[in-house]
């Protein structure tokens, strides 16, 4: 069975959005997809090779190329926390030959963190499908007294602004998930940004900071060796990659903050091209090789309809805009 996005009611307009998305898919009669693709497709990734976006871009591009009988090439355009690649796709001709494999950062964090962003995450893109979900875990050095999230909150309240935490960088979803936790618990913590999940996890192992908010993948080796202790996952449900780790909700903090990757096209791309790509993304998400490759890197293959992806995008944009503004986060 394919994993599909399932959500409750993140905001009142979800039902209308889903209905509108399905209506748009059903009313296309252009027949553009019958002759598409007639040339190679370029998938823009706004990050250097090796990250979540790049892994998803290359993994799904291979399956799309086989299904569409056409070359699908990954083009890495790193910079501005994914913003350079996103802007390139936002300005591309909407003919289905330039796509974006995005992560949450460039679409739901950048709009409020960068003062002069030159693309609109809603108006400039047509969502195709979510590609994967990547759980975030809060970890503590095994030598600390922190065994639960409540332990961390109590300690931070007892001695405000004395406990530091590592993240994968200023404005990352890992950083914002800790801000959500801090706001929910009313605790004062000191943020120490690192350049990636590996360095952040290593900082906790080495005692530079007592805790960290990182993607599950770079934390798993240290958790299994016993050097780190998991306090909780920020996802709505436990991860199949580490089912023993409880969620924040189980610990009394109903926070849902997950790193996702997803495929989008420029706005005004023909609806039948969007639908054809969605069908092939769904098939790719079922492929055992795709699922294994993503799982090995700590990601869970996950697909959605365009309307579901649109609803998630809007809900996360609303959520993280409040966090970025509340924490006064600015990126340059």
C-alpha atoms as a PDB file:
ATOM      1  CA  UNK A   1       0.000   0.000   0.000  1.00  0.00           C
ATOM      2  CA  UNK A   2       1.190   3.499  -0.788  1.00  0.00           C
ATOM      3  CA  UNK A   3       1.593   5.871   2.106  1.00  0.00           C
ATOM      4  CA  UNK A   4      -0.726   8.832   1.583  1.00  0.00           C
ATOM      5  CA  UNK A   5      -0.867  12.062   3.469  1.00  0.00           C
ATOM      6  CA  UNK A   6      -3.647  12.066   6.037  1.00  0.00           C
ATOM      7  CA  UNK A   7      -4.451  15.048   8.177  1.00  0.00           C
ATOM      8  CA  UNK A   8      -7.310  16.332  10.289  1.00  0.00           C
ATOM      9  CA  UNK A   9      -8.258  19.979   9.995  1.00  0.00           C
ATOM     10  CA  UNK A  10      -5.094  22.127  10.164  1.00  0.00           C
ATOM     11  CA  UNK A  11      -7.148  25.165   9.192  1.00  0.00           C
ATOM     12  CA  UNK A  12     -10.772  25.731   8.070  1.00  0.00           C
ATOM     13  CA  UNK A  13     -10.083  26.076   4.350  1.00  0.00           C
ATOM     14  CA  UNK A  14      -8.614  22.566   3.880  1.00  0.00           C
ATOM     15  CA  UNK A  15     -11.836  20.984   2.629  1.00  0.00           C
ATOM     16  CA  UNK A  16     -12.392  23.765   0.106  1.00  0.00           C
ATOM     17  CA  UNK A  17      -8.766  23.504  -1.076  1.00  0.00           C
ATOM     18  CA  UNK A  18      -9.020  19.762  -1.627  1.00  0.00           C
ATOM     19  CA  UNK A  19     -12.253  20.142  -3.550  1.00  0.00           C
ATOM     20  CA  UNK A  20     -10.828  22.919  -5.704  1.00  0.00           C
ATOM     21  CA  UNK A  21      -7.687  20.898  -6.444  1.00  0.00           C
ATOM     22  CA  UNK A  22      -9.682  17.858  -7.517  1.00  0.00           C
ATOM     23  CA  UNK A  23     -11.954  20.025  -9.655  1.00  0.00           C
ATOM     24  CA  UNK A  24      -8.953  21.558 -11.415  1.00  0.00           C
ATOM     25  CA  UNK A  25      -7.552  18.119 -12.176  1.00  0.00           C
ATOM     26  CA  UNK A  26     -10.857  16.916 -13.541  1.00  0.00           C
ATOM     27  CA  UNK A  27     -11.573  19.860 -15.844  1.00  0.00           C
ATOM     28  CA  UNK A  28      -8.374  19.842 -17.908  1.00  0.00           C
ATOM     29  CA  UNK A  29      -9.112  18.983 -21.525  1.00  0.00           C
ATOM     30  CA  UNK A  30      -5.989  20.366 -23.163  1.00  0.00           C
ATOM     31  CA  UNK A  31      -4.490  16.993 -23.986  1.00  0.00           C
ATOM     32  CA  UNK A  32      -1.013  18.494 -23.509  1.00  0.00           C
ATOM     33  CA  UNK A  33       0.219  15.386 -21.692  1.00  0.00           C
ATOM     34  CA  UNK A  34      -0.379  13.277 -24.813  1.00  0.00           C
ATOM     35  CA  UNK A  35       2.694  14.815 -26.449  1.00  0.00           C
ATOM     36  CA  UNK A  36       4.587  15.535 -23.244  1.00  0.00           C
ATOM     37  CA  UNK A  37       7.427  14.927 -22.553  1.00  0.00           C
ATOM     38  CA  UNK A  38       9.099  15.437 -25.910  1.00  0.00           C
ATOM     39  CA  UNK A  39      12.481  16.458 -24.470  1.00  0.00           C
ATOM     40  CA  UNK A  40      14.502  16.027 -21.256  1.00  0.00           C
ATOM     41  CA  UNK A  41      12.997  17.246 -17.971  1.00  0.00           C
ATOM     42  CA  UNK A  42      15.070  19.196 -15.465  1.00  0.00           C
ATOM     43  CA  UNK A  43      14.478  18.804 -11.722  1.00  0.00           C
ATOM     44  CA  UNK A  44      15.947  21.722  -9.786  1.00  0.00           C
ATOM     45  CA  UNK A  45      17.254  21.047  -6.267  1.00  0.00           C
ATOM     46  CA  UNK A  46      18.080  24.164  -4.273  1.00  0.00           C
ATOM     47  CA  UNK A  47      20.808  22.476  -2.247  1.00  0.00           C
ATOM     48  CA  UNK A  48      24.199  20.880  -2.778  1.00  0.00           C
ATOM     49  CA  UNK A  49      24.395  17.123  -3.472  1.00  0.00           C
ATOM     50  CA  UNK A  50      23.948  14.849  -0.474  1.00  0.00           C
ATOM     51  CA  UNK A  51      21.027  16.416   1.380  1.00  0.00           C
ATOM     52  CA  UNK A  52      17.355  15.493   1.724  1.00  0.00           C
ATOM     53  CA  UNK A  53      16.253  17.429  -1.362  1.00  0.00           C
ATOM     54  CA  UNK A  54      19.041  15.990  -3.493  1.00  0.00           C
ATOM     55  CA  UNK A  55      18.356  12.416  -2.358  1.00  0.00           C
ATOM     56  CA  UNK A  56      14.665  12.756  -3.189  1.00  0.00           C
ATOM     57  CA  UNK A  57      15.386  14.508  -6.465  1.00  0.00           C
ATOM     58  CA  UNK A  58      17.743  11.792  -7.685  1.00  0.00           C
ATOM     59  CA  UNK A  59      15.714   8.869  -6.350  1.00  0.00           C
ATOM     60  CA  UNK A  60      12.407   9.947  -7.871  1.00  0.00           C
ATOM     61  CA  UNK A  61      13.982  11.281 -11.087  1.00  0.00           C
ATOM     62  CA  UNK A  62      15.284   7.814 -11.908  1.00  0.00           C
ATOM     63  CA  UNK A  63      11.810   6.324 -11.627  1.00  0.00           C
ATOM     64  CA  UNK A  64      10.177   9.184 -13.545  1.00  0.00           C
ATOM     65  CA  UNK A  65      12.703   8.821 -16.366  1.00  0.00           C
ATOM     66  CA  UNK A  66      11.880   5.123 -16.731  1.00  0.00           C
ATOM     67  CA  UNK A  67       8.122   5.725 -16.582  1.00  0.00           C
ATOM     68  CA  UNK A  68       8.081   8.683 -18.988  1.00  0.00           C
ATOM     69  CA  UNK A  69      10.699   7.227 -21.360  1.00  0.00           C
ATOM     70  CA  UNK A  70      12.583  10.501 -21.234  1.00  0.00           C
ATOM     71  CA  UNK A  71      15.700  11.822 -19.500  1.00  0.00           C
ATOM     72  CA  UNK A  72      15.044  13.470 -16.126  1.00  0.00           C
ATOM     73  CA  UNK A  73      18.108  15.405 -14.986  1.00  0.00           C
ATOM     74  CA  UNK A  74      18.811  16.771 -11.499  1.00  0.00           C
ATOM     75  CA  UNK A  75      20.238  20.300 -11.482  1.00  0.00           C
ATOM     76  CA  UNK A  76      21.644  21.433  -8.102  1.00  0.00           C
ATOM     77  CA  UNK A  77      21.343  25.191  -7.541  1.00  0.00           C
ATOM     78  CA  UNK A  78      22.369  25.744  -3.910  1.00  0.00           C
ATOM     79  CA  UNK A  79      22.093  29.057  -2.093  1.00  0.00           C
ATOM     80  CA  UNK A  80      19.796  31.197   0.073  1.00  0.00           C
ATOM     81  CA  UNK A  81      18.470  28.155   1.956  1.00  0.00           C
ATOM     82  CA  UNK A  82      17.041  26.688  -1.258  1.00  0.00           C
ATOM     83  CA  UNK A  83      15.741  30.050  -2.449  1.00  0.00           C
ATOM     84  CA  UNK A  84      17.912  30.316  -5.572  1.00  0.00           C
ATOM     85  CA  UNK A  85      16.531  27.079  -6.975  1.00  0.00           C
ATOM     86  CA  UNK A  86      12.968  27.930  -5.995  1.00  0.00           C
ATOM     87  CA  UNK A  87      13.135  31.321  -7.708  1.00  0.00           C
ATOM     88  CA  UNK A  88      14.542  29.741 -10.856  1.00  0.00           C
ATOM     89  CA  UNK A  89      11.558  27.375 -11.087  1.00  0.00           C
ATOM     90  CA  UNK A  90       9.070  30.114 -10.176  1.00  0.00           C
ATOM     91  CA  UNK A  91      10.290  32.093 -13.210  1.00  0.00           C
ATOM     92  CA  UNK A  92      10.513  29.103 -15.577  1.00  0.00           C
ATOM     93  CA  UNK A  93       8.192  28.534 -18.525  1.00  0.00           C
ATOM     94  CA  UNK A  94       5.262  26.416 -17.201  1.00  0.00           C
ATOM     95  CA  UNK A  95       5.598  23.680 -19.812  1.00  0.00           C
ATOM     96  CA  UNK A  96       6.425  20.717 -17.553  1.00  0.00           C
ATOM     97  CA  UNK A  97      10.117  20.656 -18.413  1.00  0.00           C
ATOM     98  CA  UNK A  98      11.389  22.486 -15.317  1.00  0.00           C
ATOM     99  CA  UNK A  99      10.362  21.106 -11.916  1.00  0.00           C
ATOM    100  CA  UNK A 100      11.389  21.738  -8.314  1.00  0.00           C
ATOM    101  CA  UNK A 101      12.176  19.106  -5.702  1.00  0.00           C
ATOM    102  CA  UNK A 102      11.746  21.309  -2.658  1.00  0.00           C
ATOM    103  CA  UNK A 103      11.987  20.882   1.069  1.00  0.00           C
ATOM    104  CA  UNK A 104       9.893  22.735   3.594  1.00  0.00           C
ATOM    105  CA  UNK A 105      12.610  25.342   4.148  1.00  0.00           C
ATOM    106  CA  UNK A 106      12.419  27.296   0.907  1.00  0.00           C
ATOM    107  CA  UNK A 107       8.620  27.233   0.758  1.00  0.00           C
ATOM    108  CA  UNK A 108       7.379  27.677   4.346  1.00  0.00           C
ATOM    109  CA  UNK A 109      10.321  29.255   6.229  1.00  0.00           C
ATOM    110  CA  UNK A 110      11.986  31.542   3.684  1.00  0.00           C
ATOM    111  CA  UNK A 111       8.874  33.672   3.001  1.00  0.00           C
ATOM    112  CA  UNK A 112       8.931  35.106   6.525  1.00  0.00           C
ATOM    113  CA  UNK A 113      12.661  34.753   7.296  1.00  0.00           C
ATOM    114  CA  UNK A 114      14.000  36.510   4.185  1.00  0.00           C
ATOM    115  CA  UNK A 115      12.866  40.155   3.927  1.00  0.00           C
ATOM    116  CA  UNK A 116      13.169  40.446   0.128  1.00  0.00           C
ATOM    117  CA  UNK A 117      12.119  37.038  -1.177  1.00  0.00           C
ATOM    118  CA  UNK A 118      11.458  37.110  -4.925  1.00  0.00           C
ATOM    119  CA  UNK A 119       8.953  34.275  -5.201  1.00  0.00           C
ATOM    120  CA  UNK A 120       5.582  33.449  -3.681  1.00  0.00           C
ATOM    121  CA  UNK A 121       5.329  29.870  -2.322  1.00  0.00           C
ATOM    122  CA  UNK A 122       1.614  29.687  -3.143  1.00  0.00           C
ATOM    123  CA  UNK A 123       1.093  31.828  -6.259  1.00  0.00           C
ATOM    124  CA  UNK A 124       4.254  30.790  -8.130  1.00  0.00           C
ATOM    125  CA  UNK A 125       4.039  26.996  -7.903  1.00  0.00           C
ATOM    126  CA  UNK A 126       1.748  24.085  -8.753  1.00  0.00           C
ATOM    127  CA  UNK A 127       2.180  21.272  -6.182  1.00  0.00           C
ATOM    128  CA  UNK A 128       2.477  17.771  -7.660  1.00  0.00           C
ATOM    129  CA  UNK A 129       3.142  15.393  -4.761  1.00  0.00           C
ATOM    130  CA  UNK A 130       4.883  15.046  -1.445  1.00  0.00           C
ATOM    131  CA  UNK A 131       7.927  12.778  -1.896  1.00  0.00           C
ATOM    132  CA  UNK A 132       9.017  11.916   1.641  1.00  0.00           C
ATOM    133  CA  UNK A 133       8.713  12.732   5.311  1.00  0.00           C
ATOM    134  CA  UNK A 134      11.779  13.035   7.517  1.00  0.00           C
ATOM    135  CA  UNK A 135      11.206  12.830  11.283  1.00  0.00           C
ATOM    136  CA  UNK A 136      12.916  15.233  13.683  1.00  0.00           C
ATOM    137  CA  UNK A 137      14.137  13.904  17.016  1.00  0.00           C
ATOM    138  CA  UNK A 138      15.211  15.724  20.158  1.00  0.00           C
ATOM    139  CA  UNK A 139      18.258  14.018  21.599  1.00  0.00           C
ATOM    140  CA  UNK A 140      20.247  14.432  24.811  1.00  0.00           C
ATOM    141  CA  UNK A 141      23.728  13.338  25.756  1.00  0.00           C
ATOM    142  CA  UNK A 142      23.371  10.031  27.611  1.00  0.00           C
ATOM    143  CA  UNK A 143      25.250  11.494  30.587  1.00  0.00           C
ATOM    144  CA  UNK A 144      22.647  14.235  31.168  1.00  0.00           C
ATOM    145  CA  UNK A 145      19.712  13.753  33.562  1.00  0.00           C
ATOM    146  CA  UNK A 146      17.226  14.411  30.737  1.00  0.00           C
ATOM    147  CA  UNK A 147      15.149  11.326  30.031  1.00  0.00           C
ATOM    148  CA  UNK A 148      11.909  12.990  28.929  1.00  0.00           C
ATOM    149  CA  UNK A 149      10.794  16.254  27.402  1.00  0.00           C
ATOM    150  CA  UNK A 150       9.292  17.205  30.760  1.00  0.00           C
ATOM    151  CA  UNK A 151      12.727  16.802  32.359  1.00  0.00           C
ATOM    152  CA  UNK A 152      14.180  19.285  29.883  1.00  0.00           C
ATOM    153  CA  UNK A 153      11.396  21.825  30.455  1.00  0.00           C
ATOM    154  CA  UNK A 154      11.706  21.611  34.244  1.00  0.00           C
ATOM    155  CA  UNK A 155      15.476  22.101  34.109  1.00  0.00           C
ATOM    156  CA  UNK A 156      15.188  25.032  31.707  1.00  0.00           C
ATOM    157  CA  UNK A 157      12.584  26.720  33.895  1.00  0.00           C
ATOM    158  CA  UNK A 158      14.669  26.190  37.014  1.00  0.00           C
ATOM    159  CA  UNK A 159      17.700  27.857  35.398  1.00  0.00           C
ATOM    160  CA  UNK A 160      16.541  30.017  32.451  1.00  0.00           C
ATOM    161  CA  UNK A 161      18.986  30.699  29.623  1.00  0.00           C
ATOM    162  CA  UNK A 162      21.564  28.194  30.872  1.00  0.00           C
ATOM    163  CA  UNK A 163      20.713  25.141  28.731  1.00  0.00           C
ATOM    164  CA  UNK A 164      21.815  25.264  25.105  1.00  0.00           C
ATOM    165  CA  UNK A 165      20.596  23.159  22.207  1.00  0.00           C
ATOM    166  CA  UNK A 166      22.117  22.418  18.814  1.00  0.00           C
ATOM    167  CA  UNK A 167      20.252  22.532  15.515  1.00  0.00           C
ATOM    168  CA  UNK A 168      21.152  22.132  11.852  1.00  0.00           C
ATOM    169  CA  UNK A 169      21.169  25.889  11.295  1.00  0.00           C
ATOM    170  CA  UNK A 170      19.354  29.126  11.924  1.00  0.00           C
ATOM    171  CA  UNK A 171      15.862  29.016  10.423  1.00  0.00           C
ATOM    172  CA  UNK A 172      15.918  25.265   9.741  1.00  0.00           C
ATOM    173  CA  UNK A 173      12.829  23.197  10.522  1.00  0.00           C
ATOM    174  CA  UNK A 174      14.899  21.573  13.264  1.00  0.00           C
ATOM    175  CA  UNK A 175      15.471  25.028  14.782  1.00  0.00           C
ATOM    176  CA  UNK A 176      11.801  25.984  14.435  1.00  0.00           C
ATOM    177  CA  UNK A 177      10.631  22.706  15.964  1.00  0.00           C
ATOM    178  CA  UNK A 178      12.641  23.542  19.089  1.00  0.00           C
ATOM    179  CA  UNK A 179      11.118  27.030  19.069  1.00  0.00           C
ATOM    180  CA  UNK A 180       7.655  25.451  18.962  1.00  0.00           C
ATOM    181  CA  UNK A 181       8.629  23.296  21.930  1.00  0.00           C
ATOM    182  CA  UNK A 182      10.103  26.248  23.786  1.00  0.00           C
ATOM    183  CA  UNK A 183       6.936  28.289  23.260  1.00  0.00           C
ATOM    184  CA  UNK A 184       4.673  25.393  24.287  1.00  0.00           C
ATOM    185  CA  UNK A 185       6.650  24.691  27.451  1.00  0.00           C
ATOM    186  CA  UNK A 186       7.476  28.268  28.367  1.00  0.00           C
ATOM    187  CA  UNK A 187      11.172  27.494  28.804  1.00  0.00           C
ATOM    188  CA  UNK A 188      14.168  29.666  27.949  1.00  0.00           C
ATOM    189  CA  UNK A 189      16.791  27.764  25.941  1.00  0.00           C
ATOM    190  CA  UNK A 190      19.872  28.976  24.062  1.00  0.00           C
ATOM    191  CA  UNK A 191      20.099  28.138  20.348  1.00  0.00           C
ATOM    192  CA  UNK A 192      23.484  27.055  18.937  1.00  0.00           C
ATOM    193  CA  UNK A 193      23.291  26.558  15.139  1.00  0.00           C
ATOM    194  CA  UNK A 194      25.556  24.043  13.387  1.00  0.00           C
ATOM    195  CA  UNK A 195      26.106  23.377   9.689  1.00  0.00           C
ATOM    196  CA  UNK A 196      24.083  20.212   9.336  1.00  0.00           C
ATOM    197  CA  UNK A 197      22.584  17.359  11.304  1.00  0.00           C
ATOM    198  CA  UNK A 198      25.798  15.379  11.556  1.00  0.00           C
ATOM    199  CA  UNK A 199      27.766  18.181  13.252  1.00  0.00           C
ATOM    200  CA  UNK A 200      24.803  18.997  15.532  1.00  0.00           C
ATOM    201  CA  UNK A 201      24.470  15.387  16.697  1.00  0.00           C
ATOM    202  CA  UNK A 202      28.245  15.138  17.145  1.00  0.00           C
ATOM    203  CA  UNK A 203      28.181  18.302  19.265  1.00  0.00           C
ATOM    204  CA  UNK A 204      25.856  16.603  21.745  1.00  0.00           C
ATOM    205  CA  UNK A 205      27.924  13.417  21.751  1.00  0.00           C
ATOM    206  CA  UNK A 206      31.021  15.517  22.452  1.00  0.00           C
ATOM    207  CA  UNK A 207      29.378  17.515  25.221  1.00  0.00           C
ATOM    208  CA  UNK A 208      29.400  20.883  23.444  1.00  0.00           C
ATOM    209  CA  UNK A 209      25.649  21.142  24.001  1.00  0.00           C
ATOM    210  CA  UNK A 210      23.494  18.869  26.174  1.00  0.00           C
ATOM    211  CA  UNK A 211      20.625  18.500  23.679  1.00  0.00           C
ATOM    212  CA  UNK A 212      19.890  18.908  19.972  1.00  0.00           C
ATOM    213  CA  UNK A 213      17.056  18.977  17.479  1.00  0.00           C
ATOM    214  CA  UNK A 214      18.093  16.986  14.399  1.00  0.00           C
ATOM    215  CA  UNK A 215      16.655  14.803  11.669  1.00  0.00           C
ATOM    216  CA  UNK A 216      16.393  11.186  12.746  1.00  0.00           C
ATOM    217  CA  UNK A 217      18.976   9.855  10.274  1.00  0.00           C
ATOM    218  CA  UNK A 218      22.150  11.518  11.671  1.00  0.00           C
ATOM    219  CA  UNK A 219      21.052  10.724  15.232  1.00  0.00           C
ATOM    220  CA  UNK A 220      20.347   7.009  14.748  1.00  0.00           C
ATOM    221  CA  UNK A 221      23.950   5.713  14.913  1.00  0.00           C
ATOM    222  CA  UNK A 222      24.555   7.586  18.174  1.00  0.00           C
ATOM    223  CA  UNK A 223      21.216   6.459  19.617  1.00  0.00           C
ATOM    224  CA  UNK A 224      21.995   2.839  18.822  1.00  0.00           C
ATOM    225  CA  UNK A 225      25.484   3.123  20.312  1.00  0.00           C
ATOM    226  CA  UNK A 226      24.005   4.509  23.536  1.00  0.00           C
ATOM    227  CA  UNK A 227      25.855   7.845  23.328  1.00  0.00           C
ATOM    228  CA  UNK A 228      22.607   9.765  22.783  1.00  0.00           C
ATOM    229  CA  UNK A 229      19.186   9.410  24.377  1.00  0.00           C
ATOM    230  CA  UNK A 230      15.997  10.172  22.413  1.00  0.00           C
ATOM    231  CA  UNK A 231      13.538  12.492  24.146  1.00  0.00           C
ATOM    232  CA  UNK A 232      10.859  12.482  21.459  1.00  0.00           C
ATOM    233  CA  UNK A 233       9.895  12.753  17.797  1.00  0.00           C
ATOM    234  CA  UNK A 234       8.150  15.879  16.513  1.00  0.00           C
ATOM    235  CA  UNK A 235       6.084  13.923  13.973  1.00  0.00           C
ATOM    236  CA  UNK A 236       2.402  13.118  14.425  1.00  0.00           C
ATOM    237  CA  UNK A 237       3.113   9.392  14.694  1.00  0.00           C
ATOM    238  CA  UNK A 238       6.036   7.148  15.581  1.00  0.00           C
ATOM    239  CA  UNK A 239       8.544   6.414  12.847  1.00  0.00           C
ATOM    240  CA  UNK A 240       8.903   2.952  11.342  1.00  0.00           C
ATOM    241  CA  UNK A 241      12.654   3.636  11.344  1.00  0.00           C
ATOM    242  CA  UNK A 242      12.736   3.836  15.155  1.00  0.00           C
ATOM    243  CA  UNK A 243       9.350   2.763  16.542  1.00  0.00           C
ATOM    244  CA  UNK A 244      10.657   2.762  20.117  1.00  0.00           C
ATOM    245  CA  UNK A 245      10.921   6.575  20.198  1.00  0.00           C
ATOM    246  CA  UNK A 246       7.722   8.253  21.484  1.00  0.00           C
ATOM    247  CA  UNK A 247       6.228  11.323  19.851  1.00  0.00           C
ATOM    248  CA  UNK A 248       5.992  14.752  21.416  1.00  0.00           C
ATOM    249  CA  UNK A 249       2.240  14.283  21.696  1.00  0.00           C
ATOM    250  CA  UNK A 250       2.801  11.189  23.817  1.00  0.00           C
ATOM    251  CA  UNK A 251       5.041  13.303  26.048  1.00  0.00           C
ATOM    252  CA  UNK A 252       2.374  15.951  26.542  1.00  0.00           C
ATOM    253  CA  UNK A 253       3.449  18.381  23.811  1.00  0.00           C
ATOM    254  CA  UNK A 254       1.154  18.192  20.731  1.00  0.00           C
ATOM    255  CA  UNK A 255       3.729  19.493  18.243  1.00  0.00           C
ATOM    256  CA  UNK A 256       3.828  18.336  14.621  1.00  0.00           C
ATOM    257  CA  UNK A 257       6.966  19.517  12.819  1.00  0.00           C
ATOM    258  CA  UNK A 258       8.290  17.265  10.088  1.00  0.00           C
ATOM    259  CA  UNK A 259      10.836  17.860   7.330  1.00  0.00           C
ATOM    260  CA  UNK A 260       9.154  17.042   4.045  1.00  0.00           C
ATOM    261  CA  UNK A 261      10.314  16.987   0.443  1.00  0.00           C
ATOM    262  CA  UNK A 262       7.964  17.403  -2.492  1.00  0.00           C
ATOM    263  CA  UNK A 263       7.785  17.927  -6.243  1.00  0.00           C
ATOM    264  CA  UNK A 264       6.316  21.114  -7.720  1.00  0.00           C
ATOM    265  CA  UNK A 265       6.012  22.768 -11.129  1.00  0.00           C
ATOM    266  CA  UNK A 266       5.758  26.445 -12.039  1.00  0.00           C
ATOM    267  CA  UNK A 267       2.283  27.916 -11.623  1.00  0.00           C
ATOM    268  CA  UNK A 268      -0.006  27.600 -14.647  1.00  0.00           C
ATOM    269  CA  UNK A 269       1.518  24.282 -15.752  1.00  0.00           C
ATOM    270  CA  UNK A 270      -1.193  22.324 -17.581  1.00  0.00           C
ATOM    271  CA  UNK A 271      -3.360  20.308 -15.199  1.00  0.00           C
ATOM    272  CA  UNK A 272      -3.021  17.109 -17.213  1.00  0.00           C
ATOM    273  CA  UNK A 273       0.787  17.290 -16.944  1.00  0.00           C
ATOM    274  CA  UNK A 274       0.443  17.772 -13.177  1.00  0.00           C
ATOM    275  CA  UNK A 275      -1.888  14.782 -13.024  1.00  0.00           C
ATOM    276  CA  UNK A 276       0.416  12.589 -15.119  1.00  0.00           C
ATOM    277  CA  UNK A 277       3.386  13.454 -12.913  1.00  0.00           C
ATOM    278  CA  UNK A 278       1.337  12.782  -9.803  1.00  0.00           C
ATOM    279  CA  UNK A 279       0.390   9.326 -11.067  1.00  0.00           C
ATOM    280  CA  UNK A 280       4.022   8.461 -11.751  1.00  0.00           C
ATOM    281  CA  UNK A 281       5.199   9.892  -8.413  1.00  0.00           C
ATOM    282  CA  UNK A 282       2.627   7.700  -6.660  1.00  0.00           C
ATOM    283  CA  UNK A 283       3.887   4.626  -8.500  1.00  0.00           C
ATOM    284  CA  UNK A 284       7.475   5.553  -7.648  1.00  0.00           C
ATOM    285  CA  UNK A 285       6.578   5.914  -3.980  1.00  0.00           C
ATOM    286  CA  UNK A 286       5.357   2.305  -4.024  1.00  0.00           C
ATOM    287  CA  UNK A 287       8.572   1.005  -5.542  1.00  0.00           C
ATOM    288  CA  UNK A 288      10.542  -1.138  -3.026  1.00  0.00           C
ATOM    289  CA  UNK A 289      13.894   0.198  -4.256  1.00  0.00           C
ATOM    290  CA  UNK A 290      12.755   3.798  -3.769  1.00  0.00           C
ATOM    291  CA  UNK A 291      11.409   3.061  -0.316  1.00  0.00           C
ATOM    292  CA  UNK A 292      14.585   1.229   0.705  1.00  0.00           C
ATOM    293  CA  UNK A 293      16.886   3.935  -0.622  1.00  0.00           C
ATOM    294  CA  UNK A 294      15.027   6.665   1.245  1.00  0.00           C
ATOM    295  CA  UNK A 295      14.672   4.558   4.385  1.00  0.00           C
ATOM    296  CA  UNK A 296      18.420   3.945   4.513  1.00  0.00           C
ATOM    297  CA  UNK A 297      18.888   7.730   4.655  1.00  0.00           C
ATOM    298  CA  UNK A 298      16.268   8.194   7.375  1.00  0.00           C
ATOM    299  CA  UNK A 299      13.378   9.246   5.130  1.00  0.00           C
ATOM    300  CA  UNK A 300       9.980   7.652   4.693  1.00  0.00           C
ATOM    301  CA  UNK A 301       8.617   7.542   1.132  1.00  0.00           C
ATOM    302  CA  UNK A 302       5.267   9.337   1.128  1.00  0.00           C
ATOM    303  CA  UNK A 303       3.081  10.544  -1.735  1.00  0.00           C
ATOM    304  CA  UNK A 304      -0.024  12.710  -1.912  1.00  0.00           C
ATOM    305  CA  UNK A 305      -2.494  14.271  -4.291  1.00  0.00           C
ATOM    306  CA  UNK A 306      -1.733  17.804  -5.524  1.00  0.00           C
ATOM    307  CA  UNK A 307      -4.609  19.110  -3.394  1.00  0.00           C
ATOM    308  CA  UNK A 308      -3.276  17.401  -0.261  1.00  0.00           C
ATOM    309  CA  UNK A 309       0.196  18.809  -0.891  1.00  0.00           C
ATOM    310  CA  UNK A 310      -1.306  22.268  -1.380  1.00  0.00           C
ATOM    311  CA  UNK A 311      -3.148  22.044   1.932  1.00  0.00           C
ATOM    312  CA  UNK A 312       0.006  20.926   3.768  1.00  0.00           C
ATOM    313  CA  UNK A 313       2.002  23.727   2.170  1.00  0.00           C
ATOM    314  CA  UNK A 314      -0.510  26.365   3.244  1.00  0.00           C
ATOM    315  CA  UNK A 315      -0.887  24.993   6.758  1.00  0.00           C
ATOM    316  CA  UNK A 316       2.880  24.818   7.313  1.00  0.00           C
ATOM    317  CA  UNK A 317       3.367  28.300   5.866  1.00  0.00           C
ATOM    318  CA  UNK A 318       0.853  29.655   8.361  1.00  0.00           C
ATOM    319  CA  UNK A 319       2.412  27.732  11.276  1.00  0.00           C
ATOM    320  CA  UNK A 320       6.046  28.597  10.617  1.00  0.00           C
ATOM    321  CA  UNK A 321       5.340  32.223   9.794  1.00  0.00           C
ATOM    322  CA  UNK A 322       4.057  32.600  13.350  1.00  0.00           C
ATOM    323  CA  UNK A 323       7.137  30.844  14.756  1.00  0.00           C
ATOM    324  CA  UNK A 324       9.634  32.858  12.678  1.00  0.00           C
ATOM    325  CA  UNK A 325       8.009  36.133  13.645  1.00  0.00           C
ATOM    326  CA  UNK A 326       7.551  35.132  17.275  1.00  0.00           C
ATOM    327  CA  UNK A 327      11.226  34.175  17.579  1.00  0.00           C
ATOM    328  CA  UNK A 328      12.343  37.179  15.463  1.00  0.00           C
ATOM    329  CA  UNK A 329      14.364  34.983  13.086  1.00  0.00           C
ATOM    330  CA  UNK A 330      16.004  36.721  10.133  1.00  0.00           C
ATOM    331  CA  UNK A 331      18.141  35.151   7.398  1.00  0.00           C
ATOM    332  CA  UNK A 332      20.507  36.927   5.028  1.00  0.00           C
END
